[in-house]
């Protein structure tokens, strides 16, 4: 758009200069058209920075102001989305912390259960040894009782 605006300005000035020097007729009309073309070219060159361009008798151009308003609403929407996602991220972080705590508790309980299982295994081994000893004594007693 800027190149088109620059071309419009340069061409309108060049054609007006040529017309006025070559023909010399209708100078007022040609200069007015040139002025209008220069303003239109400036509007194209400055279109992204213009908030309002008023040309007397023609009207007002309010291009960038509307764009700024729509951009501001888009930024506001993005801000709302980020804030809502922030709450979601906080909730997920809390849940992850709870899960980590539960995982640690389960690991501790597993360790205690393994210790108790080892103790039970030792007790069972001792009981089996004692039972074997009792069976031997019982067998010995039966053998002695038969002899007597």
C-alpha atoms as a PDB file:
ATOM      1  CA  UNK A   1       0.000   0.000   0.000  1.00  0.00           C
ATOM      2  CA  UNK A   2       2.880   2.364   0.744  1.00  0.00           C
ATOM      3  CA  UNK A   3       4.387   1.927  -2.717  1.00  0.00           C
ATOM      4  CA  UNK A   4       1.008   2.590  -4.309  1.00  0.00           C
ATOM      5  CA  UNK A   5       0.647   5.757  -2.205  1.00  0.00           C
ATOM      6  CA  UNK A   6       4.121   7.001  -3.150  1.00  0.00           C
ATOM      7  CA  UNK A   7       3.430   6.313  -6.830  1.00  0.00           C
ATOM      8  CA  UNK A   8       0.112   8.155  -6.605  1.00  0.00           C
ATOM      9  CA  UNK A   9       1.781  11.214  -5.029  1.00  0.00           C
ATOM     10  CA  UNK A  10       4.684  11.342  -7.499  1.00  0.00           C
ATOM     11  CA  UNK A  11       2.514  10.721 -10.564  1.00  0.00           C
ATOM     12  CA  UNK A  12      -0.077  13.325  -9.572  1.00  0.00           C
ATOM     13  CA  UNK A  13       2.640  15.956  -9.023  1.00  0.00           C
ATOM     14  CA  UNK A  14       4.397  15.042 -12.290  1.00  0.00           C
ATOM     15  CA  UNK A  15       1.208  15.042 -14.377  1.00  0.00           C
ATOM     16  CA  UNK A  16       0.018  18.311 -12.796  1.00  0.00           C
ATOM     17  CA  UNK A  17       3.374  19.958 -13.469  1.00  0.00           C
ATOM     18  CA  UNK A  18       3.350  18.724 -17.061  1.00  0.00           C
ATOM     19  CA  UNK A  19      -0.272  19.844 -17.622  1.00  0.00           C
ATOM     20  CA  UNK A  20       0.255  23.312 -16.163  1.00  0.00           C
ATOM     21  CA  UNK A  21       3.472  23.933 -18.116  1.00  0.00           C
ATOM     22  CA  UNK A  22       2.346  22.351 -21.400  1.00  0.00           C
ATOM     23  CA  UNK A  23      -1.329  23.315 -21.630  1.00  0.00           C
ATOM     24  CA  UNK A  24      -1.834  26.119 -19.147  1.00  0.00           C
ATOM     25  CA  UNK A  25      -5.633  25.639 -19.146  1.00  0.00           C
ATOM     26  CA  UNK A  26      -7.816  24.690 -16.171  1.00  0.00           C
ATOM     27  CA  UNK A  27      -4.987  25.274 -13.698  1.00  0.00           C
ATOM     28  CA  UNK A  28      -7.312  25.521 -10.653  1.00  0.00           C
ATOM     29  CA  UNK A  29      -9.090  22.262 -11.395  1.00  0.00           C
ATOM     30  CA  UNK A  30      -5.865  20.394 -12.100  1.00  0.00           C
ATOM     31  CA  UNK A  31      -4.209  21.697  -8.917  1.00  0.00           C
ATOM     32  CA  UNK A  32      -7.305  20.718  -6.878  1.00  0.00           C
ATOM     33  CA  UNK A  33      -7.219  17.197  -8.372  1.00  0.00           C
ATOM     34  CA  UNK A  34      -3.489  17.010  -7.664  1.00  0.00           C
ATOM     35  CA  UNK A  35      -4.065  18.054  -4.054  1.00  0.00           C
ATOM     36  CA  UNK A  36      -6.778  15.403  -3.682  1.00  0.00           C
ATOM     37  CA  UNK A  37      -4.471  12.758  -5.194  1.00  0.00           C
ATOM     38  CA  UNK A  38      -1.619  13.790  -2.870  1.00  0.00           C
ATOM     39  CA  UNK A  39      -3.927  13.435   0.170  1.00  0.00           C
ATOM     40  CA  UNK A  40      -5.093  10.023  -1.070  1.00  0.00           C
ATOM     41  CA  UNK A  41      -1.454   8.988  -1.555  1.00  0.00           C
ATOM     42  CA  UNK A  42      -0.576  10.186   1.939  1.00  0.00           C
ATOM     43  CA  UNK A  43      -3.511   8.215   3.307  1.00  0.00           C
ATOM     44  CA  UNK A  44      -2.146   5.083   1.604  1.00  0.00           C
ATOM     45  CA  UNK A  45       1.398   5.716   2.837  1.00  0.00           C
ATOM     46  CA  UNK A  46       0.305   6.425   6.412  1.00  0.00           C
ATOM     47  CA  UNK A  47      -2.643   4.000   6.495  1.00  0.00           C
ATOM     48  CA  UNK A  48      -1.217   1.907   9.307  1.00  0.00           C
ATOM     49  CA  UNK A  49      -0.508   4.992  11.478  1.00  0.00           C
ATOM     50  CA  UNK A  50      -3.489   7.203  10.705  1.00  0.00           C
ATOM     51  CA  UNK A  51      -6.193   7.420  13.320  1.00  0.00           C
ATOM     52  CA  UNK A  52      -8.231  10.030  11.492  1.00  0.00           C
ATOM     53  CA  UNK A  53      -7.715  11.965   8.254  1.00  0.00           C
ATOM     54  CA  UNK A  54     -10.138  14.803   7.537  1.00  0.00           C
ATOM     55  CA  UNK A  55     -10.417  16.402   4.113  1.00  0.00           C
ATOM     56  CA  UNK A  56     -12.705  19.426   4.077  1.00  0.00           C
ATOM     57  CA  UNK A  57     -15.660  18.885   1.821  1.00  0.00           C
ATOM     58  CA  UNK A  58     -14.756  15.222   1.272  1.00  0.00           C
ATOM     59  CA  UNK A  59     -15.048  13.470   4.618  1.00  0.00           C
ATOM     60  CA  UNK A  60     -13.091  11.746   7.363  1.00  0.00           C
ATOM     61  CA  UNK A  61     -11.115   8.501   7.266  1.00  0.00           C
ATOM     62  CA  UNK A  62     -10.938   6.534  10.514  1.00  0.00           C
ATOM     63  CA  UNK A  63      -9.048   3.376   9.591  1.00  0.00           C
ATOM     64  CA  UNK A  64      -6.400   2.717  12.202  1.00  0.00           C
ATOM     65  CA  UNK A  65      -8.645   3.601  15.144  1.00  0.00           C
ATOM     66  CA  UNK A  66     -11.018   0.755  14.288  1.00  0.00           C
ATOM     67  CA  UNK A  67      -8.084  -1.601  13.785  1.00  0.00           C
ATOM     68  CA  UNK A  68      -6.654  -0.575  17.157  1.00  0.00           C
ATOM     69  CA  UNK A  69     -10.003  -1.267  18.835  1.00  0.00           C
ATOM     70  CA  UNK A  70     -10.264  -4.713  17.271  1.00  0.00           C
ATOM     71  CA  UNK A  71      -6.650  -5.457  18.221  1.00  0.00           C
ATOM     72  CA  UNK A  72      -7.337  -4.331  21.787  1.00  0.00           C
ATOM     73  CA  UNK A  73     -10.323  -6.672  22.029  1.00  0.00           C
ATOM     74  CA  UNK A  74      -8.212  -9.531  20.650  1.00  0.00           C
ATOM     75  CA  UNK A  75      -5.547  -8.802  23.278  1.00  0.00           C
ATOM     76  CA  UNK A  76      -8.228  -8.757  25.978  1.00  0.00           C
ATOM     77  CA  UNK A  77      -9.518 -12.140  24.787  1.00  0.00           C
ATOM     78  CA  UNK A  78      -5.992 -13.555  24.869  1.00  0.00           C
ATOM     79  CA  UNK A  79      -5.510 -12.191  28.383  1.00  0.00           C
ATOM     80  CA  UNK A  80      -8.703 -13.915  29.546  1.00  0.00           C
ATOM     81  CA  UNK A  81      -7.588 -17.203  27.981  1.00  0.00           C
ATOM     82  CA  UNK A  82      -4.172 -16.979  29.642  1.00  0.00           C
ATOM     83  CA  UNK A  83      -5.765 -16.223  33.013  1.00  0.00           C
ATOM     84  CA  UNK A  84      -8.175 -19.151  32.706  1.00  0.00           C
ATOM     85  CA  UNK A  85      -5.342 -21.448  31.666  1.00  0.00           C
ATOM     86  CA  UNK A  86      -3.320 -20.213  34.624  1.00  0.00           C
ATOM     87  CA  UNK A  87      -6.046 -21.450  36.966  1.00  0.00           C
ATOM     88  CA  UNK A  88      -6.044 -24.804  35.166  1.00  0.00           C
ATOM     89  CA  UNK A  89      -2.262 -25.077  35.449  1.00  0.00           C
ATOM     90  CA  UNK A  90      -2.473 -24.302  39.180  1.00  0.00           C
ATOM     91  CA  UNK A  91      -5.108 -27.011  39.630  1.00  0.00           C
ATOM     92  CA  UNK A  92      -2.991 -29.548  37.734  1.00  0.00           C
ATOM     93  CA  UNK A  93       0.033 -28.617  39.850  1.00  0.00           C
ATOM     94  CA  UNK A  94      -1.968 -29.164  43.044  1.00  0.00           C
ATOM     95  CA  UNK A  95      -3.178 -32.549  41.808  1.00  0.00           C
ATOM     96  CA  UNK A  96       0.376 -33.521  40.861  1.00  0.00           C
ATOM     97  CA  UNK A  97       1.595 -32.571  44.356  1.00  0.00           C
ATOM     98  CA  UNK A  98      -1.171 -34.678  45.930  1.00  0.00           C
ATOM     99  CA  UNK A  99      -0.258 -37.599  43.677  1.00  0.00           C
ATOM    100  CA  UNK A 100       3.403 -37.261  44.672  1.00  0.00           C
ATOM    101  CA  UNK A 101       2.467 -37.259  48.368  1.00  0.00           C
ATOM    102  CA  UNK A 102       0.302 -40.357  47.935  1.00  0.00           C
ATOM    103  CA  UNK A 103       3.089 -42.068  45.986  1.00  0.00           C
ATOM    104  CA  UNK A 104       5.554 -41.379  48.802  1.00  0.00           C
ATOM    105  CA  UNK A 105       3.097 -42.734  51.386  1.00  0.00           C
ATOM    106  CA  UNK A 106       2.593 -45.907  49.349  1.00  0.00           C
ATOM    107  CA  UNK A 107       6.355 -46.348  48.994  1.00  0.00           C
ATOM    108  CA  UNK A 108       6.788 -46.015  52.780  1.00  0.00           C
ATOM    109  CA  UNK A 109       3.990 -48.522  53.436  1.00  0.00           C
ATOM    110  CA  UNK A 110       5.536 -50.952  50.955  1.00  0.00           C
ATOM    111  CA  UNK A 111       8.869 -50.689  52.769  1.00  0.00           C
ATOM    112  CA  UNK A 112       7.188 -51.388  56.118  1.00  0.00           C
ATOM    113  CA  UNK A 113       5.248 -54.302  54.616  1.00  0.00           C
ATOM    114  CA  UNK A 114       8.479 -55.783  53.224  1.00  0.00           C
ATOM    115  CA  UNK A 115      10.111 -55.480  56.661  1.00  0.00           C
ATOM    116  CA  UNK A 116       7.146 -57.212  58.322  1.00  0.00           C
ATOM    117  CA  UNK A 117       7.186 -59.920  55.655  1.00  0.00           C
ATOM    118  CA  UNK A 118      10.883 -60.550  56.327  1.00  0.00           C
ATOM    119  CA  UNK A 119      10.134 -60.799  60.059  1.00  0.00           C
ATOM    120  CA  UNK A 120       7.311 -63.241  59.363  1.00  0.00           C
ATOM    121  CA  UNK A 121       9.589 -65.325  57.125  1.00  0.00           C
ATOM    122  CA  UNK A 122      12.156 -65.548  59.943  1.00  0.00           C
ATOM    123  CA  UNK A 123       9.433 -66.531  62.422  1.00  0.00           C
ATOM    124  CA  UNK A 124       8.128 -69.216  60.081  1.00  0.00           C
ATOM    125  CA  UNK A 125      11.646 -70.580  59.578  1.00  0.00           C
ATOM    126  CA  UNK A 126      12.171 -70.646  63.371  1.00  0.00           C
ATOM    127  CA  UNK A 127       8.787 -72.336  63.848  1.00  0.00           C
ATOM    128  CA  UNK A 128       9.653 -74.974  61.233  1.00  0.00           C
ATOM    129  CA  UNK A 129      12.980 -75.609  62.956  1.00  0.00           C
ATOM    130  CA  UNK A 130      11.208 -75.909  66.308  1.00  0.00           C
ATOM    131  CA  UNK A 131       8.584 -78.198  64.777  1.00  0.00           C
ATOM    132  CA  UNK A 132      11.282 -80.429  63.328  1.00  0.00           C
ATOM    133  CA  UNK A 133      12.932 -80.533  66.737  1.00  0.00           C
ATOM    134  CA  UNK A 134       9.609 -81.390  68.417  1.00  0.00           C
ATOM    135  CA  UNK A 135       8.932 -84.117  65.904  1.00  0.00           C
ATOM    136  CA  UNK A 136      12.359 -85.592  66.608  1.00  0.00           C
ATOM    137  CA  UNK A 137      11.751 -85.483  70.368  1.00  0.00           C
ATOM    138  CA  UNK A 138       8.294 -86.973  69.910  1.00  0.00           C
ATOM    139  CA  UNK A 139       9.690 -89.782  67.769  1.00  0.00           C
ATOM    140  CA  UNK A 140      12.412 -90.399  70.364  1.00  0.00           C
ATOM    141  CA  UNK A 141       9.829 -90.472  73.163  1.00  0.00           C
ATOM    142  CA  UNK A 142       7.639 -92.953  71.270  1.00  0.00           C
ATOM    143  CA  UNK A 143      10.603 -95.170  70.637  1.00  0.00           C
ATOM    144  CA  UNK A 144      11.635 -95.113  74.328  1.00  0.00           C
ATOM    145  CA  UNK A 145       8.021 -95.716  75.442  1.00  0.00           C
ATOM    146  CA  UNK A 146       7.782 -98.828  73.298  1.00  0.00           C
ATOM    147  CA  UNK A 147      10.922-100.237  74.718  1.00  0.00           C
ATOM    148  CA  UNK A 148       9.825 -99.791  78.301  1.00  0.00           C
END
